Amino acid sequence: MSRSRPVALRLGVVALLAAALTGCTTEAPAPAPSTSAAATAEPSADPTITPDSTSDEAYAYFDLVARGHVDANDGRSMVDTLVAAGFDKAAMEVTPDSTSIGRAADSVQFSVLWGSDCLIGQTSGAGYSSQLAPVLGNGSCLVGTTRAIDW
């Protein structure tokens, strides 16, 4: 038996099965319209936050703003971007942009205290990541050395 015959036989079986299954499918009915406010609300063109925003809402906005500004591993510009987006500078923390020997930091972390939660972001050579986490026992969001936001 030649090698091409089993391959042709397998292809024929696959084609027959595909044709048979095509006749068995039906189009799913259209979903019923939802009456919930979340389903009918249109997304805002320019999302914002208010003092009444939940932690989840503030985190989603924080993440949107920070993701749009990850081109520089620069804590000051990230803080300035978050302030321009409506976050309170007094509620922020940021790690140094350079190491103790003056080299560029591998990563910069920044945070905003939002109620009893922390909106935390990090930029590095690997990209951007973020999380929503509870505030630490000492009232801060970041562990370790942070720099003064005095500009």
N, C-alpha and C. Protein backbone atom coordinates (compact mmCIF):
# COMPACT_ATOMS: atom_id res chain seq x y z
N MET A 1 0.85 -1.16 0.00
CA MET A 1 0.00 0.00 0.00
C MET A 1 0.90 1.23 0.00
N SER A 2 0.59 2.19 -0.87
CA SER A 2 1.44 3.37 -0.94
C SER A 2 1.08 4.33 0.19
N ARG A 3 2.01 5.21 0.49
CA ARG A 3 1.85 6.17 1.57
C ARG A 3 0.76 7.19 1.26
N SER A 4 0.53 7.53 0.02
CA SER A 4 -0.45 8.54 -0.35
C SER A 4 -1.88 8.05 -0.18
N ARG A 5 -2.11 6.75 -0.27
CA ARG A 5 -3.48 6.24 -0.14
C ARG A 5 -4.06 6.47 1.27
N PRO A 6 -3.33 6.17 2.37
CA PRO A 6 -3.90 6.45 3.70
C PRO A 6 -4.18 7.94 3.89
N VAL A 7 -3.33 8.81 3.37
CA VAL A 7 -3.54 10.24 3.52
C VAL A 7 -4.81 10.65 2.76
N ALA A 8 -4.97 10.16 1.55
CA ALA A 8 -6.15 10.49 0.75
C ALA A 8 -7.41 9.95 1.43
N LEU A 9 -7.31 8.74 2.00
CA LEU A 9 -8.44 8.16 2.70
C LEU A 9 -8.83 9.00 3.91
N ARG A 10 -7.85 9.46 4.68
CA ARG A 10 -8.12 10.30 5.84
C ARG A 10 -8.76 11.61 5.42
N LEU A 11 -8.25 12.21 4.37
CA LEU A 11 -8.82 13.48 3.89
C LEU A 11 -10.27 13.29 3.46
N GLY A 12 -10.56 12.17 2.81
CA GLY A 12 -11.92 11.88 2.38
C GLY A 12 -12.85 11.73 3.56
N VAL A 13 -12.41 11.04 4.60
CA VAL A 13 -13.23 10.85 5.80
C VAL A 13 -13.48 12.19 6.49
N VAL A 14 -12.46 13.02 6.58
CA VAL A 14 -12.61 14.33 7.20
C VAL A 14 -13.61 15.17 6.41
N ALA A 15 -13.54 15.14 5.09
CA ALA A 15 -14.46 15.90 4.24
C ALA A 15 -15.89 15.41 4.42
N LEU A 16 -16.09 14.09 4.49
CA LEU A 16 -17.43 13.54 4.70
C LEU A 16 -18.00 13.94 6.05
N LEU A 17 -17.17 13.89 7.10
CA LEU A 17 -17.62 14.28 8.43
C LEU A 17 -17.99 15.77 8.46
N ALA A 18 -17.18 16.60 7.83
CA ALA A 18 -17.46 18.03 7.81
C ALA A 18 -18.77 18.31 7.09
N ALA A 19 -19.00 17.63 5.98
CA ALA A 19 -20.25 17.82 5.22
C ALA A 19 -21.45 17.36 6.05
N ALA A 20 -21.31 16.25 6.76
CA ALA A 20 -22.41 15.72 7.55
C ALA A 20 -22.73 16.65 8.72
N LEU A 21 -21.70 17.19 9.36
CA LEU A 21 -21.92 18.07 10.51
C LEU A 21 -22.48 19.42 10.09
N THR A 22 -22.19 19.86 8.89
CA THR A 22 -22.70 21.15 8.43
C THR A 22 -24.21 21.14 8.38
N GLY A 23 -24.80 20.06 8.00
CA GLY A 23 -26.25 19.97 7.96
C GLY A 23 -26.89 19.92 9.33
N CYS A 24 -26.11 19.63 10.39
CA CYS A 24 -26.65 19.51 11.74
C CYS A 24 -26.67 20.83 12.49
N THR A 25 -26.02 21.82 11.98
CA THR A 25 -25.97 23.07 12.72
C THR A 25 -27.16 23.94 12.39
N THR A 26 -27.59 24.70 13.36
CA THR A 26 -28.67 25.66 13.16
C THR A 26 -28.20 27.00 13.66
N GLU A 27 -28.79 28.02 13.15
CA GLU A 27 -28.43 29.35 13.60
C GLU A 27 -29.07 29.60 14.96
N ALA A 28 -28.28 30.11 15.87
CA ALA A 28 -28.78 30.38 17.22
C ALA A 28 -29.76 31.55 17.17
N PRO A 29 -30.82 31.50 17.98
CA PRO A 29 -31.76 32.61 17.99
C PRO A 29 -31.09 33.87 18.54
N ALA A 30 -31.55 35.00 18.10
CA ALA A 30 -31.01 36.26 18.58
C ALA A 30 -31.33 36.39 20.06
N PRO A 31 -30.37 36.91 20.86
CA PRO A 31 -30.64 37.04 22.29
C PRO A 31 -31.73 38.08 22.54
N ALA A 32 -32.50 37.82 23.58
CA ALA A 32 -33.59 38.73 23.95
C ALA A 32 -32.98 40.03 24.45
N PRO A 33 -33.62 41.15 24.16
CA PRO A 33 -33.08 42.43 24.66
C PRO A 33 -33.05 42.44 26.17
N SER A 34 -31.99 43.01 26.71
CA SER A 34 -31.83 43.09 28.15
C SER A 34 -32.46 44.37 28.66
N THR A 35 -33.01 44.30 29.85
CA THR A 35 -33.63 45.49 30.44
C THR A 35 -32.74 46.11 31.50
N SER A 36 -31.56 45.54 31.73
CA SER A 36 -30.70 46.09 32.76
C SER A 36 -30.08 47.40 32.29
N ALA A 37 -29.82 48.29 33.22
CA ALA A 37 -29.24 49.59 32.89
C ALA A 37 -27.84 49.43 32.35
N ALA A 38 -27.08 48.46 32.88
CA ALA A 38 -25.71 48.26 32.41
C ALA A 38 -25.68 47.84 30.96
N ALA A 39 -26.64 47.03 30.55
CA ALA A 39 -26.66 46.56 29.18
C ALA A 39 -27.10 47.64 28.21
N THR A 40 -27.92 48.58 28.66
CA THR A 40 -28.42 49.60 27.76
C THR A 40 -27.58 50.87 27.78
N ALA A 41 -26.74 51.03 28.79
CA ALA A 41 -25.92 52.23 28.87
C ALA A 41 -24.83 52.19 27.80
N GLU A 42 -24.64 53.32 27.15
CA GLU A 42 -23.59 53.41 26.15
C GLU A 42 -22.30 53.82 26.84
N PRO A 43 -21.16 53.28 26.37
CA PRO A 43 -19.90 53.65 27.00
C PRO A 43 -19.61 55.14 26.79
N SER A 44 -19.04 55.75 27.79
CA SER A 44 -18.69 57.16 27.71
C SER A 44 -17.49 57.34 26.79
N ALA A 45 -17.54 58.36 25.95
CA ALA A 45 -16.42 58.62 25.04
C ALA A 45 -15.19 59.04 25.84
N ASP A 46 -15.39 59.81 26.89
CA ASP A 46 -14.30 60.26 27.73
C ASP A 46 -14.57 59.84 29.17
N PRO A 47 -14.15 58.63 29.55
CA PRO A 47 -14.43 58.18 30.92
C PRO A 47 -13.75 59.09 31.94
N THR A 48 -14.39 59.25 33.05
CA THR A 48 -13.85 60.06 34.13
C THR A 48 -14.11 59.37 35.45
N ILE A 49 -13.62 60.00 36.50
CA ILE A 49 -13.89 59.52 37.84
C ILE A 49 -14.52 60.65 38.64
N THR A 50 -15.21 60.30 39.67
CA THR A 50 -15.75 61.26 40.61
C THR A 50 -15.39 60.77 42.01
N PRO A 51 -15.52 61.61 43.00
CA PRO A 51 -15.24 61.14 44.37
C PRO A 51 -16.14 59.97 44.78
N ASP A 52 -17.28 59.81 44.10
CA ASP A 52 -18.20 58.73 44.41
C ASP A 52 -17.93 57.45 43.63
N SER A 53 -16.94 57.46 42.74
CA SER A 53 -16.62 56.26 41.95
C SER A 53 -16.20 55.13 42.87
N THR A 54 -16.63 53.93 42.54
CA THR A 54 -16.22 52.76 43.31
C THR A 54 -14.75 52.47 43.03
N SER A 55 -14.16 51.63 43.83
CA SER A 55 -12.76 51.24 43.61
C SER A 55 -12.59 50.57 42.25
N ASP A 56 -13.55 49.73 41.89
CA ASP A 56 -13.47 49.06 40.59
C ASP A 56 -13.55 50.06 39.44
N GLU A 57 -14.43 51.05 39.55
CA GLU A 57 -14.54 52.08 38.51
C GLU A 57 -13.27 52.92 38.44
N ALA A 58 -12.75 53.32 39.60
CA ALA A 58 -11.52 54.11 39.63
C ALA A 58 -10.35 53.30 39.08
N TYR A 59 -10.29 52.01 39.41
CA TYR A 59 -9.21 51.16 38.91
C TYR A 59 -9.27 51.03 37.39
N ALA A 60 -10.46 50.84 36.85
CA ALA A 60 -10.60 50.72 35.39
C ALA A 60 -10.12 52.00 34.71
N TYR A 61 -10.46 53.15 35.27
CA TYR A 61 -10.03 54.43 34.70
C TYR A 61 -8.52 54.61 34.87
N PHE A 62 -8.01 54.32 36.06
CA PHE A 62 -6.57 54.38 36.34
C PHE A 62 -5.80 53.54 35.32
N ASP A 63 -6.27 52.33 35.10
CA ASP A 63 -5.61 51.40 34.18
C ASP A 63 -5.65 51.95 32.75
N LEU A 64 -6.77 52.50 32.35
CA LEU A 64 -6.91 53.09 31.02
C LEU A 64 -5.92 54.25 30.83
N VAL A 65 -5.86 55.13 31.80
CA VAL A 65 -4.96 56.28 31.73
C VAL A 65 -3.50 55.83 31.72
N ALA A 66 -3.13 54.94 32.63
CA ALA A 66 -1.73 54.51 32.74
C ALA A 66 -1.29 53.72 31.50
N ARG A 67 -2.15 52.86 30.97
CA ARG A 67 -1.80 52.10 29.77
C ARG A 67 -1.51 53.03 28.59
N GLY A 68 -2.17 54.17 28.57
CA GLY A 68 -1.94 55.13 27.49
C GLY A 68 -0.65 55.92 27.65
N HIS A 69 0.05 55.70 28.75
CA HIS A 69 1.27 56.48 29.03
C HIS A 69 2.42 55.58 29.50
N VAL A 70 2.60 54.46 28.90
CA VAL A 70 3.67 53.55 29.36
C VAL A 70 4.92 53.64 28.49
N ASP A 71 4.99 54.64 27.64
CA ASP A 71 6.15 54.74 26.76
C ASP A 71 7.41 55.16 27.49
N ALA A 72 7.28 55.75 28.65
CA ALA A 72 8.46 56.18 29.40
C ALA A 72 8.44 55.53 30.78
N ASN A 73 9.61 55.11 31.23
CA ASN A 73 9.75 54.54 32.56
C ASN A 73 10.08 55.69 33.51
N ASP A 74 9.15 56.63 33.62
CA ASP A 74 9.38 57.89 34.32
C ASP A 74 8.23 58.14 35.29
N GLY A 75 8.52 58.07 36.57
CA GLY A 75 7.49 58.24 37.58
C GLY A 75 6.86 59.62 37.59
N ARG A 76 7.66 60.65 37.37
CA ARG A 76 7.11 62.01 37.40
C ARG A 76 6.08 62.21 36.29
N SER A 77 6.40 61.78 35.09
CA SER A 77 5.44 61.97 34.00
C SER A 77 4.19 61.12 34.21
N MET A 78 4.34 59.97 34.84
CA MET A 78 3.16 59.14 35.13
C MET A 78 2.28 59.84 36.18
N VAL A 79 2.89 60.37 37.21
CA VAL A 79 2.13 61.10 38.23
C VAL A 79 1.42 62.29 37.59
N ASP A 80 2.14 63.05 36.76
CA ASP A 80 1.53 64.20 36.09
C ASP A 80 0.37 63.78 35.20
N THR A 81 0.50 62.66 34.53
CA THR A 81 -0.57 62.15 33.66
C THR A 81 -1.80 61.78 34.49
N LEU A 82 -1.57 61.11 35.62
CA LEU A 82 -2.69 60.73 36.48
C LEU A 82 -3.37 61.95 37.09
N VAL A 83 -2.59 62.97 37.48
CA VAL A 83 -3.16 64.20 38.01
C VAL A 83 -4.01 64.88 36.94
N ALA A 84 -3.49 64.96 35.71
CA ALA A 84 -4.24 65.57 34.62
C ALA A 84 -5.54 64.82 34.34
N ALA A 85 -5.57 63.53 34.66
CA ALA A 85 -6.76 62.70 34.45
C ALA A 85 -7.76 62.81 35.60
N GLY A 86 -7.39 63.54 36.67
CA GLY A 86 -8.34 63.77 37.75
C GLY A 86 -8.02 63.09 39.07
N PHE A 87 -6.90 62.38 39.16
CA PHE A 87 -6.53 61.73 40.42
C PHE A 87 -5.83 62.74 41.33
N ASP A 88 -5.97 62.56 42.63
CA ASP A 88 -5.41 63.46 43.63
C ASP A 88 -3.92 63.16 43.85
N LYS A 89 -3.07 64.13 43.57
CA LYS A 89 -1.62 63.96 43.73
C LYS A 89 -1.27 63.61 45.18
N ALA A 90 -2.00 64.17 46.14
CA ALA A 90 -1.71 63.91 47.55
C ALA A 90 -1.96 62.45 47.94
N ALA A 91 -2.73 61.72 47.14
CA ALA A 91 -3.03 60.31 47.43
C ALA A 91 -2.09 59.36 46.68
N MET A 92 -1.06 59.91 46.04
CA MET A 92 -0.18 59.09 45.20
C MET A 92 1.15 58.77 45.88
N GLU A 93 1.72 57.66 45.43
CA GLU A 93 3.08 57.26 45.79
C GLU A 93 3.77 56.84 44.49
N VAL A 94 5.09 56.99 44.45
CA VAL A 94 5.86 56.57 43.28
C VAL A 94 7.25 56.16 43.75
N THR A 95 7.79 55.14 43.12
CA THR A 95 9.14 54.70 43.46
C THR A 95 10.15 55.51 42.65
N PRO A 96 11.41 55.52 43.07
CA PRO A 96 12.44 56.29 42.35
C PRO A 96 12.64 55.80 40.91
N ASP A 97 13.04 56.76 40.06
CA ASP A 97 13.33 56.44 38.67
C ASP A 97 14.75 55.92 38.47
N SER A 98 15.58 56.06 39.52
CA SER A 98 16.96 55.61 39.39
C SER A 98 17.37 54.82 40.64
N THR A 99 18.41 54.03 40.46
CA THR A 99 18.92 53.21 41.56
C THR A 99 19.81 54.06 42.47
N SER A 100 20.27 53.48 43.55
CA SER A 100 21.12 54.20 44.49
C SER A 100 22.48 54.55 43.88
N ILE A 101 22.86 53.93 42.78
CA ILE A 101 24.13 54.28 42.12
C ILE A 101 23.90 55.09 40.84
N GLY A 102 22.68 55.62 40.69
CA GLY A 102 22.42 56.54 39.61
C GLY A 102 22.02 55.93 38.27
N ARG A 103 21.79 54.66 38.22
CA ARG A 103 21.34 54.04 36.97
C ARG A 103 19.82 54.07 36.89
N ALA A 104 19.30 53.99 35.69
CA ALA A 104 17.85 53.97 35.50
C ALA A 104 17.26 52.73 36.20
N ALA A 105 16.17 52.93 36.89
CA ALA A 105 15.50 51.82 37.58
C ALA A 105 14.94 50.85 36.54
N ASP A 106 14.98 49.57 36.86
CA ASP A 106 14.41 48.55 35.97
C ASP A 106 12.90 48.69 35.86
N SER A 107 12.28 49.16 36.93
CA SER A 107 10.84 49.37 36.91
C SER A 107 10.48 50.53 37.83
N VAL A 108 9.35 51.13 37.55
CA VAL A 108 8.82 52.21 38.39
C VAL A 108 7.40 51.81 38.77
N GLN A 109 7.11 51.87 40.06
CA GLN A 109 5.76 51.59 40.55
C GLN A 109 5.12 52.89 40.99
N PHE A 110 3.82 52.97 40.83
CA PHE A 110 3.08 54.16 41.22
C PHE A 110 1.72 53.71 41.72
N SER A 111 1.14 54.51 42.59
CA SER A 111 -0.15 54.12 43.16
C SER A 111 -0.98 55.34 43.50
N VAL A 112 -2.28 55.08 43.64
CA VAL A 112 -3.23 56.07 44.12
C VAL A 112 -4.06 55.40 45.21
N LEU A 113 -4.11 56.01 46.37
CA LEU A 113 -4.96 55.52 47.45
C LEU A 113 -6.38 55.94 47.13
N TRP A 114 -7.29 54.95 47.06
CA TRP A 114 -8.69 55.22 46.73
C TRP A 114 -9.55 54.57 47.81
N GLY A 115 -9.94 55.36 48.79
CA GLY A 115 -10.70 54.81 49.91
C GLY A 115 -9.82 53.85 50.70
N SER A 116 -10.27 52.62 50.82
CA SER A 116 -9.47 51.61 51.52
C SER A 116 -8.75 50.69 50.54
N ASP A 117 -8.66 51.11 49.29
CA ASP A 117 -7.99 50.31 48.26
C ASP A 117 -6.87 51.10 47.60
N CYS A 118 -6.00 50.37 46.94
CA CYS A 118 -4.89 50.97 46.22
C CYS A 118 -4.96 50.60 44.75
N LEU A 119 -4.83 51.61 43.90
CA LEU A 119 -4.71 51.42 42.46
C LEU A 119 -3.21 51.42 42.20
N ILE A 120 -2.67 50.31 41.77
CA ILE A 120 -1.21 50.17 41.65
C ILE A 120 -0.84 49.84 40.22
N GLY A 121 0.16 50.55 39.71
CA GLY A 121 0.68 50.27 38.38
C GLY A 121 2.19 50.14 38.41
N GLN A 122 2.72 49.49 37.38
CA GLN A 122 4.17 49.33 37.26
C GLN A 122 4.55 49.35 35.79
N THR A 123 5.57 50.13 35.46
CA THR A 123 6.13 50.11 34.12
C THR A 123 7.55 49.57 34.21
N SER A 124 7.94 48.82 33.21
CA SER A 124 9.29 48.26 33.16
C SER A 124 9.60 47.91 31.71
N GLY A 125 10.78 47.38 31.49
CA GLY A 125 11.15 46.92 30.16
C GLY A 125 10.22 45.83 29.66
N ALA A 126 9.55 45.15 30.57
CA ALA A 126 8.61 44.08 30.19
C ALA A 126 7.23 44.62 29.87
N GLY A 127 7.01 45.94 30.05
CA GLY A 127 5.70 46.50 29.75
C GLY A 127 5.03 47.06 30.98
N TYR A 128 3.73 47.00 30.98
CA TYR A 128 2.91 47.58 32.03
C TYR A 128 2.08 46.50 32.71
N SER A 129 1.91 46.64 34.01
CA SER A 129 0.99 45.76 34.74
C SER A 129 0.35 46.59 35.85
N SER A 130 -0.78 46.11 36.33
CA SER A 130 -1.48 46.85 37.38
C SER A 130 -2.31 45.90 38.23
N GLN A 131 -2.77 46.42 39.35
CA GLN A 131 -3.66 45.65 40.21
C GLN A 131 -4.40 46.57 41.15
N LEU A 132 -5.52 46.09 41.63
CA LEU A 132 -6.30 46.74 42.68
C LEU A 132 -6.05 45.92 43.93
N ALA A 133 -5.57 46.56 44.99
CA ALA A 133 -5.22 45.83 46.21
C ALA A 133 -5.66 46.62 47.43
N PRO A 134 -5.86 45.94 48.56
CA PRO A 134 -6.22 46.66 49.79
C PRO A 134 -5.04 47.50 50.27
N VAL A 135 -5.34 48.59 50.95
CA VAL A 135 -4.31 49.43 51.52
C VAL A 135 -3.52 48.63 52.56
N LEU A 136 -2.24 48.92 52.67
CA LEU A 136 -1.39 48.22 53.64
C LEU A 136 -1.72 48.67 55.06
N GLY A 137 -1.31 47.91 56.02
CA GLY A 137 -1.58 48.21 57.43
C GLY A 137 -1.04 49.56 57.87
N ASN A 138 0.02 50.03 57.21
CA ASN A 138 0.59 51.33 57.59
C ASN A 138 -0.07 52.51 56.85
N GLY A 139 -1.12 52.20 56.07
CA GLY A 139 -1.85 53.25 55.37
C GLY A 139 -1.31 53.60 53.99
N SER A 140 -0.25 52.93 53.58
CA SER A 140 0.32 53.21 52.27
C SER A 140 -0.04 52.11 51.28
N CYS A 141 0.36 52.32 50.04
CA CYS A 141 0.06 51.34 48.98
C CYS A 141 1.29 50.57 48.52
N LEU A 142 2.44 51.22 48.54
CA LEU A 142 3.67 50.59 48.03
C LEU A 142 4.58 50.19 49.18
N VAL A 143 5.24 49.06 49.00
CA VAL A 143 6.21 48.57 49.98
C VAL A 143 7.59 49.08 49.56
N GLY A 144 8.37 49.49 50.51
CA GLY A 144 9.73 49.92 50.20
C GLY A 144 9.84 51.43 50.06
N THR A 145 10.94 51.84 49.46
CA THR A 145 11.25 53.25 49.34
C THR A 145 10.44 53.92 48.25
N THR A 146 9.82 55.02 48.59
CA THR A 146 9.12 55.84 47.60
C THR A 146 9.78 57.22 47.61
N ARG A 147 9.53 57.98 46.56
CA ARG A 147 10.13 59.31 46.50
C ARG A 147 9.06 60.36 46.79
N ALA A 148 9.53 61.51 47.22
CA ALA A 148 8.61 62.61 47.50
C ALA A 148 8.01 63.12 46.19
N ILE A 149 6.72 63.36 46.20
CA ILE A 149 6.05 63.97 45.04
C ILE A 149 5.91 65.44 45.41
N ASP A 150 6.98 66.18 45.15
CA ASP A 150 7.05 67.57 45.61
C ASP A 150 7.12 68.58 44.46
N TRP A 151 6.61 68.20 43.34
CA TRP A 151 6.58 69.13 42.22
C TRP A 151 5.17 69.57 41.93
